[in-house]
Protein backbone atom coordinates (compact mmCIF):
# COMPACT_ATOMS: atom_id res chain seq x y z
CA MET A 1 -13.56 16.77 11.37
CA VAL A 2 -14.10 13.63 9.25
CA ILE A 3 -10.81 14.43 7.26
CA ILE A 4 -9.13 14.37 10.56
CA ILE A 5 -10.06 11.49 11.81
CA PHE A 6 -9.04 10.04 9.03
CA ILE A 7 -5.65 10.80 9.00
CA LEU A 8 -5.03 10.10 12.68
CA LEU A 9 -6.12 6.62 12.07
CA ILE A 10 -3.59 5.87 9.33
CA ILE A 11 -1.17 7.18 11.23
CA VAL A 12 -2.29 5.15 14.46
CA THR A 13 -2.73 1.70 12.28
CA THR A 14 0.75 2.54 10.41
CA PHE A 15 2.81 3.31 13.75
CA PRO A 16 5.21 4.20 13.99
CA LEU A 17 5.80 5.18 10.40
CA ILE A 18 5.00 8.36 10.54
CA LEU A 19 8.05 9.09 12.97
CA LYS A 20 10.44 7.27 10.27
CA VAL A 21 8.34 8.49 7.29
CA THR A 22 12.10 8.85 5.07
CA THR A 23 14.37 5.88 6.20
CA HIS A 24 11.39 3.07 6.95
CA ILE A 25 9.12 1.96 4.97
CA PRO A 26 5.25 -0.38 5.78
CA GLY A 27 6.35 -4.02 5.59
CA PHE A 28 7.03 -6.98 7.15
CA PHE A 29 9.22 -9.00 5.06
CA SER A 30 7.40 -11.78 3.47
CA THR A 31 8.03 -11.04 0.19
CA ASP A 32 10.95 -8.71 -1.68
CA GLU A 33 8.61 -6.54 -4.08
CA PRO A 34 8.62 -3.48 -2.11
CA PHE A 35 12.07 -3.37 -2.81
CA ALA A 36 11.52 -3.75 -6.45
CA ALA A 37 9.53 -0.63 -6.49
CA LEU A 38 12.10 0.87 -4.35
CA TRP A 39 14.89 0.09 -6.96
CA ASP A 40 12.35 1.24 -9.72
CA SER A 41 12.17 5.13 -8.28
CA TRP A 42 15.73 5.20 -7.69
CA ARG A 43 16.94 4.02 -11.45
CA ILE A 44 14.21 6.96 -12.42
CA LYS A 45 16.18 10.01 -10.86
CA TYR A 46 19.15 7.82 -11.14
CA SER A 47 18.61 7.39 -15.43
CA PHE A 48 17.77 11.15 -15.41
CA LEU A 49 21.03 12.46 -13.63
CA HIS A 50 23.35 9.90 -15.81
CA ASN A 51 21.48 10.45 -18.90
CA LEU A 52 20.32 6.48 -19.30
CA SER A 53 17.68 4.97 -20.94
CA LEU A 54 14.65 4.98 -19.16
CA LYS A 55 13.44 2.51 -21.40
CA GLN A 56 15.90 -0.12 -21.70
CA THR A 57 18.72 -0.42 -18.78
CA SER A 58 21.60 -2.47 -18.49
CA LEU A 59 22.37 -1.96 -14.44
CA PHE A 60 21.30 -5.44 -14.14
CA ALA A 61 21.38 -8.75 -16.04
CA TYR A 62 24.69 -7.16 -17.18
CA PRO A 63 25.93 -6.99 -19.92
CA PHE A 64 22.59 -7.49 -22.07
CA GLY A 65 19.94 -5.86 -20.50
CA VAL A 66 16.41 -5.28 -19.91
CA ASP A 67 13.49 -4.09 -21.59
CA LEU A 68 11.55 -2.83 -18.55
CA TYR A 69 8.42 -2.36 -20.81
CA ALA A 70 8.62 -5.53 -23.11
CA SER A 71 4.72 -6.44 -21.65
CA GLY A 72 3.80 -3.12 -23.83
CA TYR A 73 2.09 -1.70 -21.33
CA PHE A 74 1.61 2.05 -20.52
CA SER A 75 -0.45 3.82 -17.37
CA TYR A 76 0.18 7.46 -18.68
CA LEU A 77 -1.33 8.28 -15.14
CA TRP A 78 0.52 5.98 -13.21
CA MET A 79 3.74 6.72 -14.88
CA GLY A 80 3.57 10.40 -14.91
CA TRP A 81 2.30 10.64 -10.89
CA HIS A 82 5.44 7.66 -9.95
CA TYR A 83 7.60 9.52 -12.41
CA LEU A 84 7.24 12.68 -10.84
CA LEU A 85 7.63 11.74 -7.20
CA SER A 86 10.60 9.73 -7.58
CA LEU A 87 12.81 12.68 -9.06
CA LEU A 88 11.26 15.34 -6.34
CA THR A 89 11.72 13.15 -3.45
CA THR A 90 13.97 9.90 -2.43
CA PRO A 91 12.76 6.16 -3.20
CA ILE A 92 11.28 5.85 0.74
CA LEU A 93 9.44 9.01 0.35
CA THR A 94 8.30 7.92 -2.61
CA TRP A 95 6.59 4.63 -1.75
CA ASN A 96 5.31 5.87 1.40
CA ILE A 97 3.70 9.07 -0.01
CA GLN A 98 1.45 6.69 -2.52
CA ASN A 99 0.72 4.53 0.42
CA PHE A 100 -0.70 6.77 2.92
CA LEU A 101 -2.43 8.68 0.09
CA ASN A 102 -3.86 5.50 -1.25
CA LEU A 103 -4.87 4.59 2.48
CA PHE A 104 -7.04 7.77 2.51
CA LEU A 105 -8.61 8.37 -0.37
CA SER A 106 -9.81 4.69 0.32
CA THR A 107 -10.96 5.89 3.39
CA LEU A 108 -12.33 9.21 2.30
CA PHE A 109 -14.43 7.67 -1.25
CA THR A 110 -16.00 4.69 0.65
CA TYR A 111 -17.25 7.69 2.84
CA LEU A 112 -18.81 9.84 0.27
CA LEU A 113 -20.53 6.63 -1.24
CA VAL A 114 -21.84 5.18 2.05
CA PHE A 115 -22.80 8.23 3.37
CA TYR A 116 -24.49 9.69 -0.37
CA LEU A 117 -26.26 6.09 -0.07
CA THR A 118 -27.28 6.61 3.84
CA GLN A 119 -27.31 10.31 3.98
CA ASN A 120 -25.45 8.99 7.70
CA ARG A 121 -22.15 10.29 8.58
CA SER A 122 -21.77 7.55 11.55
CA SER A 123 -22.50 4.62 8.72
CA ALA A 124 -20.19 6.44 6.61
CA ILE A 125 -17.26 6.67 8.88
CA LEU A 126 -17.92 3.01 9.94
CA GLY A 127 -17.96 1.88 6.16
CA GLY A 128 -14.53 3.94 5.22
CA LEU A 129 -12.99 2.28 8.23
CA ILE A 130 -14.25 -1.18 7.35
CA PHE A 131 -13.00 -0.80 3.68
CA ALA A 132 -9.99 0.97 4.08
CA PHE A 133 -8.10 -1.00 6.93
CA CYS A 134 -8.92 -3.82 6.46
CA PRO A 135 -6.17 -6.67 6.54
CA TYR A 136 -5.96 -7.35 2.42
CA GLN A 137 -5.73 -3.52 2.53
CA PHE A 138 -2.41 -3.64 4.70
CA MET A 139 -0.89 -6.39 3.36
CA ARG A 140 -0.76 -4.62 -0.41
CA ILE A 141 0.89 -1.02 1.46
CA TRP A 142 3.52 -3.72 2.92
CA GLN A 143 3.75 -5.48 -0.57
CA HIS A 144 2.21 -4.30 -3.42
CA LEU A 145 2.26 -0.79 -4.33
CA GLY A 146 0.13 -0.92 -7.41
CA LEU A 147 -2.94 -2.70 -5.49
CA SER A 148 -3.23 -0.23 -3.06
CA TYR A 149 -4.75 1.56 -5.35
CA ASN A 150 -8.10 0.55 -4.45
CA GLN A 151 -9.30 4.48 -3.76
CA TRP A 152 -10.59 4.04 -7.27
CA ILE A 153 -13.30 1.20 -6.76
CA PRO A 154 -15.76 2.88 -4.24
CA LEU A 155 -15.29 6.59 -6.37
CA ALA A 156 -16.22 5.00 -9.58
CA LEU A 157 -19.21 3.35 -8.19
CA LEU A 158 -20.12 6.47 -6.35
CA SER A 159 -19.86 8.41 -9.71
CA LEU A 160 -22.11 5.84 -11.58
CA ILE A 161 -24.35 6.18 -9.07
CA TRP A 162 -24.72 9.46 -8.73
CA LEU A 163 -25.32 9.42 -12.61
CA LYS A 164 -27.86 7.29 -12.40
CA ASP A 165 -29.74 9.41 -9.94
CA ASN A 166 -28.93 12.52 -11.55
CA LEU A 167 -28.45 12.30 -15.56
CA SER A 168 -26.73 15.63 -16.27
CA LYS A 169 -23.42 17.17 -17.76
CA LYS A 170 -21.67 17.35 -14.60
CA THR A 171 -22.48 13.85 -13.76
CA LYS A 172 -21.28 12.75 -17.17
CA VAL A 173 -17.88 14.78 -16.48
CA ILE A 174 -17.17 13.42 -12.93
CA PHE A 175 -17.84 9.47 -14.04
CA PHE A 176 -15.60 10.37 -17.31
CA LEU A 177 -12.74 11.34 -14.71
CA SER A 178 -13.19 8.44 -12.52
CA LEU A 179 -13.27 6.03 -15.28
CA LEU A 180 -9.51 8.26 -16.63
CA LEU A 181 -8.27 7.51 -13.13
CA LEU A 182 -9.50 3.89 -12.58
CA PHE A 183 -8.23 2.53 -15.33
CA SER A 184 -4.69 4.40 -15.63
CA PHE A 185 -3.04 2.39 -12.59
CA ASP A 186 -2.95 -1.19 -11.47
CA TRP A 187 -4.60 -3.55 -14.68
CA SER A 188 -5.78 -5.96 -11.51
CA ILE A 189 -7.78 -3.39 -10.37
CA MET A 190 -9.36 -2.31 -13.37
CA TYR A 191 -10.03 -5.55 -14.13
CA LEU A 192 -11.68 -5.98 -10.30
CA ALA A 193 -14.25 -2.96 -11.13
CA THR A 194 -14.94 -3.56 -14.86
CA ILE A 195 -16.95 -6.90 -13.23
CA VAL A 196 -18.29 -3.72 -10.49
CA ILE A 197 -19.99 -2.11 -13.55
CA LEU A 198 -20.94 -4.57 -15.59
CA THR A 199 -22.74 -6.39 -11.88
CA PHE A 200 -24.18 -2.56 -11.57
CA PHE A 201 -25.48 -2.68 -14.95
CA LEU A 202 -27.25 -5.70 -14.79
CA TYR A 203 -28.60 -4.67 -11.78
CA ILE A 204 -30.18 -1.79 -13.16
CA LEU A 205 -31.36 -3.84 -16.32
CA PHE A 206 -33.46 -6.28 -13.52
CA TYR A 207 -34.33 -4.24 -10.87
CA ASN A 208 -37.88 -3.56 -10.73
CA TRP A 209 -38.43 -5.27 -14.52
CA LYS A 210 -41.91 -6.44 -13.79
CA ILE A 211 -43.10 -2.73 -13.03
CA LYS A 212 -40.66 -1.46 -15.75
CA LEU A 213 -42.95 -3.39 -18.36
CA ASN A 214 -45.32 -1.62 -17.69
CA SER A 215 -43.85 1.72 -17.36
CA LYS A 216 -42.28 2.88 -20.75
CA LYS A 217 -41.36 5.99 -18.20
CA LEU A 218 -39.05 3.91 -16.29
CA LEU A 219 -38.19 1.67 -19.18
CA LYS A 220 -36.55 4.67 -21.18
CA GLU A 221 -34.99 6.20 -17.91
CA ASP A 222 -32.71 3.27 -17.37
CA ILE A 223 -32.22 2.73 -21.60
CA ASP A 224 -31.23 6.68 -21.53
CA TYR A 225 -28.88 6.08 -18.16
CA LEU A 226 -27.39 2.72 -19.67
CA LYS A 227 -26.20 4.73 -23.21
CA SER A 228 -25.07 7.31 -21.48
CA ALA A 229 -22.66 5.33 -19.04
CA ILE A 230 -21.53 3.46 -22.11
CA ALA A 231 -20.88 6.63 -23.93
CA VAL A 232 -18.46 7.91 -21.31
CA GLY A 233 -16.95 4.38 -20.77
CA LEU A 234 -16.27 4.22 -24.63
CA LEU A 235 -14.91 8.12 -24.76
CA SER A 236 -12.69 7.11 -21.96
CA PHE A 237 -11.67 4.10 -23.25
CA ILE A 238 -10.73 5.64 -26.63
CA ILE A 239 -8.32 8.73 -24.83
CA LEU A 240 -6.96 5.51 -23.39
CA LEU A 241 -6.46 3.65 -26.14
CA PRO A 242 -2.71 4.03 -26.54
CA GLN A 243 -1.82 1.94 -23.37
CA PHE A 244 -4.63 -0.61 -23.81
CA PHE A 245 -3.37 -0.96 -27.84
CA PRO A 246 -0.10 -2.99 -26.83
CA VAL A 247 -2.28 -5.11 -24.55
CA ILE A 248 -4.56 -5.99 -27.08
CA LYS A 249 -1.69 -6.74 -29.22
CA ASN A 250 -0.08 -9.05 -27.05
CA ARG A 251 -2.89 -10.59 -25.43
CA LEU A 252 -3.55 -12.33 -28.68
CA LYS A 253 0.16 -13.03 -29.56
CA PHE A 254 1.63 -13.88 -26.62
CA SER A 255 -1.12 -16.02 -24.68
CA SER A 256 -1.19 -18.40 -27.80
CA THR A 257 2.04 -18.08 -28.99
CA THR A 258 4.17 -18.57 -25.50
CA PRO A 259 4.30 -21.07 -22.72
CA ALA A 260 2.18 -20.16 -19.32
CA SER A 261 4.81 -18.58 -16.74
CA ALA A 262 4.61 -16.19 -13.82
CA PHE A 263 7.26 -13.84 -15.79
CA ASN A 264 4.85 -13.92 -18.77
CA LEU A 265 2.11 -10.84 -17.93
CA TYR A 266 -0.29 -12.29 -20.61
CA HIS A 267 -0.52 -15.99 -20.28
CA ARG A 268 -0.11 -17.05 -16.55
CA PRO A 269 -0.37 -20.79 -15.66
CA PHE A 270 -4.57 -22.00 -15.33
CA GLU A 271 -2.99 -24.37 -12.13
CA ASP A 272 -2.29 -20.87 -10.55
CA LEU A 273 -6.17 -20.60 -10.46
CA PHE A 274 -6.58 -22.62 -7.97
CA THR A 275 -3.94 -22.02 -5.63
CA GLN A 276 -4.83 -18.19 -5.43
CA SER A 277 -8.42 -18.64 -5.10
CA ALA A 278 -10.14 -17.76 -2.06
CA LYS A 279 -10.89 -20.57 0.36
CA PRO A 280 -13.41 -21.79 3.23
CA LEU A 281 -11.60 -19.67 6.07
CA SER A 282 -9.95 -17.45 4.00
CA TYR A 283 -12.43 -14.61 4.69
CA PHE A 284 -13.48 -15.56 8.54
CA LEU A 285 -10.75 -15.68 9.94
CA PRO A 286 -8.57 -13.25 11.43
CA ALA A 287 -5.17 -12.30 9.83
CA ILE A 288 -1.90 -14.00 11.17
CA VAL A 289 -1.13 -10.17 11.92
CA HIS A 290 -3.46 -10.31 14.02
CA PRO A 291 -1.41 -9.87 18.01
CA LEU A 292 -4.12 -11.99 19.68
CA PHE A 293 -5.10 -14.34 17.49
CA GLY A 294 -3.11 -14.44 14.58
CA LYS A 295 -1.61 -17.65 15.89
CA PHE A 296 -4.52 -19.43 15.49
CA THR A 297 -4.78 -18.55 12.06
CA GLU A 298 -0.95 -19.55 11.52
CA ARG A 299 -2.09 -23.34 12.22
CA PHE A 300 -4.25 -23.10 8.72
CA ILE A 301 -1.72 -21.75 6.61
CA GLY A 302 -1.05 -23.94 3.80
CA THR A 303 -4.07 -26.62 4.22
CA GLN A 304 -6.82 -26.90 1.79
CA LEU A 305 -9.28 -24.22 4.64
CA TYR A 306 -7.30 -21.58 4.57
CA GLY A 307 -4.69 -21.02 1.48
CA GLU A 308 -0.79 -21.29 1.27
CA SER A 309 -0.13 -17.39 0.29
CA VAL A 310 -0.03 -15.24 3.49
CA THR A 311 -0.19 -12.06 0.99
CA GLU A 312 -3.44 -13.68 -1.32
CA HIS A 313 -5.40 -15.33 1.10
CA THR A 314 -5.79 -12.54 4.27
CA LEU A 315 -9.16 -11.88 2.96
CA TYR A 316 -10.82 -11.52 6.85
CA LEU A 317 -13.91 -9.64 6.43
CA GLY A 318 -14.44 -8.98 9.93
CA TRP A 319 -17.06 -10.19 12.55
CA THR A 320 -18.57 -7.00 13.58
CA PRO A 321 -18.71 -5.50 9.52
CA LEU A 322 -20.46 -8.98 8.90
CA ILE A 323 -23.09 -8.92 11.81
CA LEU A 324 -24.16 -5.71 10.50
CA ALA A 325 -24.14 -6.27 6.99
CA PHE A 326 -26.56 -9.52 7.60
CA PHE A 327 -28.26 -7.01 9.96
CA ALA A 328 -28.99 -4.96 6.75
CA PHE A 329 -29.61 -7.93 4.49
CA ARG A 330 -32.51 -8.99 6.57
CA ARG A 331 -34.11 -5.46 6.56
CA TRP A 332 -33.76 -5.58 2.66
CA ARG A 333 -35.35 -8.54 3.15
CA LYS A 334 -38.31 -7.52 4.64
CA ARG A 335 -38.28 -4.76 2.80
CA LYS A 336 -39.70 -2.40 5.39
CA ILE A 337 -39.92 0.86 3.24
CA GLY A 338 -41.82 2.55 5.53
CA THR A 339 -38.99 3.10 8.12
CA VAL A 340 -36.31 3.27 5.81
CA PRO A 341 -35.61 6.36 3.17
CA CYS A 342 -36.63 5.34 -0.28
CA VAL A 343 -32.93 6.39 -1.24
CA ASP A 344 -31.48 3.04 0.40
CA SER A 345 -34.24 0.65 -0.94
CA PRO A 346 -32.79 0.16 -4.64
CA TYR A 347 -29.40 -0.21 -3.73
CA LEU A 348 -29.37 -2.13 -0.93
CA GLY A 349 -29.62 -4.84 -3.24
CA PHE A 350 -26.96 -4.38 -5.39
CA PHE A 351 -24.28 -4.10 -2.99
CA VAL A 352 -26.27 -8.05 -1.91
CA LEU A 353 -25.71 -8.70 -5.52
CA LEU A 354 -22.16 -7.47 -5.42
CA ALA A 355 -20.87 -9.50 -2.61
CA ILE A 356 -22.47 -12.78 -4.32
CA VAL A 357 -20.52 -11.82 -7.61
CA ALA A 358 -17.82 -10.75 -6.01
CA TRP A 359 -17.80 -14.60 -3.94
CA PHE A 360 -18.07 -16.44 -6.55
CA PHE A 361 -15.58 -15.06 -8.92
CA SER A 362 -13.07 -15.21 -6.13
CA GLN A 363 -13.39 -18.93 -6.04
CA ALA A 364 -11.47 -21.68 -7.94
CA PRO A 365 -12.49 -22.69 -11.72
CA TRP A 366 -14.48 -25.61 -10.13
CA TRP A 367 -15.91 -27.18 -7.39
CA LYS A 368 -15.73 -30.92 -7.69
CA ILE A 369 -18.57 -32.99 -5.77
CA GLY A 370 -17.67 -36.38 -6.55
CA PRO A 371 -17.65 -37.11 -9.58
CA LEU A 372 -19.84 -34.08 -10.58
CA LYS A 373 -17.73 -30.24 -11.18
CA ILE A 374 -19.43 -26.86 -11.02
CA TYR A 375 -17.42 -24.43 -12.91
CA MET A 376 -16.67 -21.07 -11.42
CA PRO A 377 -16.57 -17.77 -13.34
CA SER A 378 -12.87 -18.11 -12.75
CA PHE A 379 -12.62 -20.79 -15.20
CA PHE A 380 -14.69 -19.18 -18.12
CA MET A 381 -13.06 -15.98 -17.78
CA TYR A 382 -9.09 -16.89 -17.75
CA ARG A 383 -10.15 -18.04 -21.28
CA LEU A 384 -10.74 -14.48 -22.25
CA VAL A 385 -8.24 -12.70 -19.79
CA PRO A 386 -5.79 -15.17 -18.71
CA MET A 387 -2.89 -12.83 -17.63
CA PHE A 388 -4.97 -12.40 -14.22
CA ARG A 389 -4.16 -15.75 -12.50
CA ALA A 390 -4.84 -13.97 -9.12
CA TYR A 391 -8.86 -14.69 -8.23
CA CYS A 392 -8.64 -14.29 -4.60
CA ARG A 393 -8.37 -10.37 -5.10
CA PHE A 394 -11.90 -10.20 -5.30
CA GLY A 395 -12.00 -10.48 -2.31
CA ILE A 396 -11.88 -6.61 -1.73
CA VAL A 397 -14.66 -5.84 -3.74
CA LEU A 398 -16.21 -8.48 -1.08
CA MET A 399 -15.16 -6.16 1.37
CA LEU A 400 -16.79 -3.10 -0.37
CA ALA A 401 -20.18 -4.64 -0.38
CA VAL A 402 -19.77 -5.72 3.11
CA ALA A 403 -18.42 -2.13 4.23
CA VAL A 404 -21.58 -0.46 2.33
CA LEU A 405 -24.04 -3.49 3.89
CA ALA A 406 -22.35 -2.74 7.46
CA GLY A 407 -23.19 1.29 6.68
CA PHE A 408 -26.59 0.65 6.19
CA GLY A 409 -26.62 -1.89 9.50
CA LEU A 410 -25.24 0.80 11.56
CA LYS A 411 -28.03 3.02 10.18
CA PHE A 412 -30.99 1.02 10.63
CA ILE A 413 -29.73 0.19 14.60
CA LEU A 414 -29.06 4.13 15.00
CA ASP A 415 -32.54 4.98 13.81
CA LYS A 416 -33.86 3.21 16.41
CA PHE A 417 -32.71 5.69 19.03
CA LYS A 418 -33.29 9.32 19.46
CA THR A 419 -30.38 10.80 21.94
CA GLN A 420 -27.16 11.80 20.00
CA ARG A 421 -25.38 10.51 22.77
CA ILE A 422 -26.55 7.30 22.69
CA LYS A 423 -25.77 7.23 18.79
CA ILE A 424 -22.30 8.86 19.10
CA ALA A 425 -21.53 5.87 21.90
CA ILE A 426 -22.99 3.13 19.25
CA THR A 427 -20.94 4.16 16.57
CA THR A 428 -17.86 4.43 18.48
CA LEU A 429 -18.36 1.11 19.92
CA PHE A 430 -19.12 -0.35 16.20
CA CYS A 431 -15.47 1.48 15.00
CA CYS A 432 -13.21 -0.07 17.75
CA LEU A 433 -14.54 -3.08 17.29
CA VAL A 434 -13.73 -3.08 13.64
CA LEU A 435 -9.95 -1.36 14.38
CA PHE A 436 -9.79 -3.84 17.28
CA GLU A 437 -10.65 -6.57 14.68
CA PHE A 438 -8.52 -5.36 12.13
CA TRP A 439 -5.63 -4.74 13.90
CA ASN A 440 -1.84 -5.47 13.05
CA TRP A 441 0.67 -4.57 15.59
CA PRO A 442 2.91 -5.46 17.68
CA PRO A 443 5.02 -5.87 16.56
CA TYR A 444 5.69 -2.78 14.29
CA LYS A 445 5.14 -3.74 10.72
CA VAL A 446 7.68 -1.40 9.82
CA ILE A 447 11.27 -2.39 7.53
CA ASP A 448 14.20 0.03 8.42
CA VAL A 449 15.30 0.88 4.95
CA SER A 450 17.89 3.50 5.69
CA LYS A 451 21.24 1.30 6.21
CA VAL A 452 22.44 -1.92 4.04
CA PRO A 453 24.89 -4.54 4.76
CA ALA A 454 28.47 -2.72 5.15
CA VAL A 455 29.91 -4.46 1.59
CA TYR A 456 27.75 -2.03 -0.47
CA TYR A 457 29.10 0.70 1.08
CA TRP A 458 32.42 -0.75 1.10
CA LEU A 459 32.07 -1.59 -2.92
CA LYS A 460 30.84 1.72 -3.53
CA SER A 461 34.01 3.48 -2.48
CA GLN A 462 36.16 1.30 -4.69
CA PRO A 463 37.90 3.13 -7.53
CA GLY A 464 36.88 2.29 -11.21
CA ASP A 465 33.84 1.78 -13.39
CA PHE A 466 33.39 -2.65 -12.43
CA VAL A 467 30.41 -5.04 -12.64
CA ILE A 468 29.94 -7.24 -9.78
CA ALA A 469 27.68 -10.62 -9.06
CA GLU A 470 26.05 -12.28 -6.01
CA TYR A 471 26.06 -15.57 -5.09
CA PRO A 472 23.59 -17.50 -4.31
CA LEU A 473 22.87 -16.31 -8.19
CA ASP A 474 19.50 -15.30 -8.92
CA ALA A 475 18.85 -17.81 -11.52
CA GLU A 476 15.61 -19.16 -11.07
CA SER A 477 14.04 -15.87 -10.51
CA PRO A 478 15.62 -12.18 -9.70
CA SER A 479 16.60 -10.84 -6.63
CA GLU A 480 14.89 -7.72 -5.87
CA MET A 481 16.99 -7.22 -2.70
CA TYR A 482 20.13 -7.36 -4.88
CA LYS A 483 18.76 -4.94 -6.50
CA PHE A 484 17.45 -2.69 -3.97
CA TYR A 485 21.29 -2.91 -2.74
CA GLN A 486 22.33 -1.48 -6.19
CA THR A 487 20.55 1.68 -5.01
CA VAL A 488 23.70 2.24 -3.07
CA HIS A 489 26.44 0.80 -4.64
CA GLU A 490 25.16 1.84 -7.84
CA ARG A 491 27.49 -0.75 -9.28
CA LYS A 492 26.41 -2.71 -12.47
CA MET A 493 25.48 -6.28 -12.14
CA ILE A 494 24.56 -9.59 -13.71
CA ASN A 495 22.19 -10.76 -11.41
CA GLY A 496 18.25 -9.36 -12.12
CA THR A 497 17.83 -11.93 -15.19
CA ILE A 498 14.40 -12.90 -16.09
CA PRO A 499 13.12 -16.58 -16.79
CA GLY A 500 13.05 -16.92 -20.36
CA THR A 501 15.46 -14.63 -21.85
CA TYR A 502 18.86 -15.22 -23.58
CA ALA A 503 20.60 -13.21 -19.98
CA ASN A 504 19.01 -15.89 -17.54
CA LYS A 505 20.29 -18.81 -19.72
CA VAL A 506 23.38 -17.00 -19.64
CA ALA A 507 22.99 -17.42 -15.75
CA GLN A 508 21.98 -21.18 -15.80
CA THR A 509 25.22 -22.27 -17.11
CA ILE A 510 27.36 -20.23 -14.01
CA ARG A 511 25.16 -21.28 -11.34
CA LYS A 512 27.96 -22.83 -9.58
CA LEU A 513 31.08 -20.53 -8.61
CA SER A 514 32.96 -23.37 -7.88
CA GLU A 515 34.03 -24.65 -11.25
CA PRO A 516 36.75 -22.71 -12.84
CA ARG A 517 35.15 -21.82 -15.78
CA THR A 518 32.29 -19.57 -13.99
CA ALA A 519 35.57 -17.71 -13.24
CA THR A 520 36.48 -17.03 -16.96
CA ILE A 521 33.06 -16.33 -17.91
CA LEU A 522 32.64 -13.63 -15.61
CA LYS A 523 35.90 -12.34 -16.35
CA GLY A 524 34.07 -11.83 -20.17
CA MET A 525 31.47 -10.56 -18.64
CA ASN A 526 34.02 -7.92 -17.23
CA VAL A 527 32.91 -8.90 -13.25
CA LYS A 528 35.21 -7.45 -11.03
CA TYR A 529 34.03 -8.72 -7.65
CA VAL A 530 31.74 -11.43 -6.39
CA LEU A 531 29.58 -11.10 -3.36
CA VAL A 532 29.05 -14.97 -1.83
CA HIS A 533 25.80 -14.39 0.73
CA LYS A 534 27.29 -17.59 2.75
CA ASP A 535 24.12 -17.81 4.82
CA ASP A 536 21.69 -18.22 2.00
CA TYR A 537 23.81 -21.54 0.60
CA LEU A 538 23.52 -22.85 4.03
CA LYS A 539 19.76 -22.11 5.32
CA THR A 540 18.88 -24.24 2.11
CA GLU A 541 20.44 -27.58 4.11
CA LEU A 542 20.75 -28.96 0.61
CA LYS A 543 24.32 -31.35 1.19
CA GLU A 544 25.42 -30.01 -2.71
CA GLU A 545 24.87 -26.24 -1.36
CA ILE A 546 26.96 -26.62 1.81
CA GLU A 547 29.52 -28.11 -0.32
CA GLU A 548 29.63 -25.43 -3.14
CA VAL A 549 30.48 -22.69 0.25
CA LYS A 550 33.36 -24.72 1.19
CA LEU A 551 34.64 -25.63 -2.78
CA ILE A 552 34.07 -21.61 -3.49
CA PRO A 553 37.42 -20.54 -2.31
CA HIS A 554 39.47 -23.30 -3.75
CA ASN A 555 38.19 -21.84 -7.71
CA PRO A 556 41.91 -20.87 -8.86
CA GLY A 557 39.98 -18.01 -10.98
CA LEU A 558 38.83 -16.20 -7.73
CA ARG A 559 40.98 -14.21 -4.94
CA LEU A 560 39.22 -13.58 -1.74
CA VAL A 561 40.04 -9.89 -0.84
CA LYS A 562 37.69 -9.34 2.05
CA SER A 563 35.45 -10.89 4.18
CA PHE A 564 32.36 -8.72 6.15
CA PRO A 565 30.81 -10.32 9.45
CA ALA A 566 27.56 -11.06 10.24
CA GLN A 567 25.23 -8.08 10.80
CA ASN A 568 22.23 -7.19 13.04
CA CYS A 569 19.12 -4.58 12.60
CA PRO A 570 20.03 -1.41 15.36
CA LYS A 571 16.69 -1.81 16.88
CA LYS A 572 14.91 -5.72 18.09
CA ASP A 573 11.35 -4.46 17.77
CA ILE A 574 11.62 -3.12 14.16
CA MET A 575 13.20 -5.30 10.90
CA CYS A 576 15.78 -4.06 8.42
CA VAL A 577 17.89 -4.50 5.42
CA ALA A 578 21.40 -3.93 6.95
CA LYS A 579 20.79 -7.55 9.11
CA THR A 580 22.55 -10.28 6.77
CA GLY A 581 25.09 -13.14 7.27
CA PRO A 582 29.01 -13.05 6.69
CA ILE A 583 29.83 -11.93 2.90
CA ASP A 584 32.91 -12.92 1.40
CA VAL A 585 34.36 -11.22 -1.56
CA TYR A 586 36.32 -12.72 -4.29
CA GLU A 587 37.85 -10.94 -7.35
CA VAL A 588 38.09 -12.57 -10.63
CA LYS A 589 41.35 -13.21 -11.74
């Protein structure tokens, strides 16, 4: 019954995606990152069918090509799962299956965690809803596929607590398997979970330490537990060492010999720790996608109170979960052990501690109060892991702590009532309040990716094997939309170069399409057609860009072949990738 409830809620909260699962993806167009994942799924199957390398590709950044795994990081379970889906399904289904499954497992594992701690199904359902349906989760399924794999955090924590309560071969195996899953997907989630696990170890060490000093039995139990947990952790690390070894090697190499950059996976700019840290209002204002309260939050976007990034700073915890969590906190402080089952007391304190740790970790490197600097954990951790810059992502750890505490809070409230009918009514009320606070439509948060602009179908129909270029040239940062359109036209392109590479240095020299020498270089790169997105030049409102559009037709090295008019989405209430301004196609003479 619980599983059915969760599935129905996923269908409702992502509506109308379930009706369009083969043609639409979840999203709201604030970034083009989902299209990179769609391209990669297409690239995997295309490479298999055309006997192309899975590691190197010249489908973009032609003719130089790109090493797709230059970072050296290989997550074997993730790659196996992603490759399997890519080969057996379509790119759209590959994206949707993973997001639906991640959302479901986040709900299920949090439900199991809260139920194990509270032995109360109502509390477990509420905890699962809070963690899985919070705005942070939806921001991730709309944009960052890797960061939607948050389900491994409550799973690892559940297995860790179960191991503490019952040290046996069975619990060791479960903890081992949970670690394999946890450390085989996104490394940001690995980092978050590592801090969670270390916090739990510290909590166990210091919980009731005065009593343990006088009880050798209790002290020995904790030592045996920590030895077992660490041994299982080391075993999982040894098994996964082949995928971690390149990370360790490149961490030492790239973090010290290369400049910090958004494109350097091992050395991110220190300044990013300030822009991508939690702000005072990030946790307390509803998401901007909320149909009623979102407009109020929009006023604070770009301020020091909320933050600049809609994706990274949507950390809303919800006032209903916070109130219930505070109720549990008050109960924990009063330590009314006589009215609460014993299983509640040891771990309530841990989730209070976890909430505090997660909040501190999500902060900027320091607070400056006059001449005084108060350093936060991110300042010190950057020295150790400079590849991690978005510390506001600890918001999902704080959300997990709040979800569990809210589950305890609901349990304490329900314990005051005797009739099952009243308990069901109270649980339903709180669940509805949570879902209302986290609501995100209308408008619908789906994107129609079934049809692309007409120019790409025309390109696909042209005879011969040729190369294309799309302008404005994406020389500052690779355009994932250009790559996504490649899934339809299937032509090699010079676009998609990565800053810092030789291919990008060449791209920098041919940014101005109006110059005759640009046409000469393009011809030398075997480019036959150039697509000019006129609106992308004009929307910048820069004088030189507007002049560039006027000068391009006068380049003697180019011949206008065809002009495609602007297109709109077929349905006004649903976004699409077919919407585009006018596009001119030039042949390179």
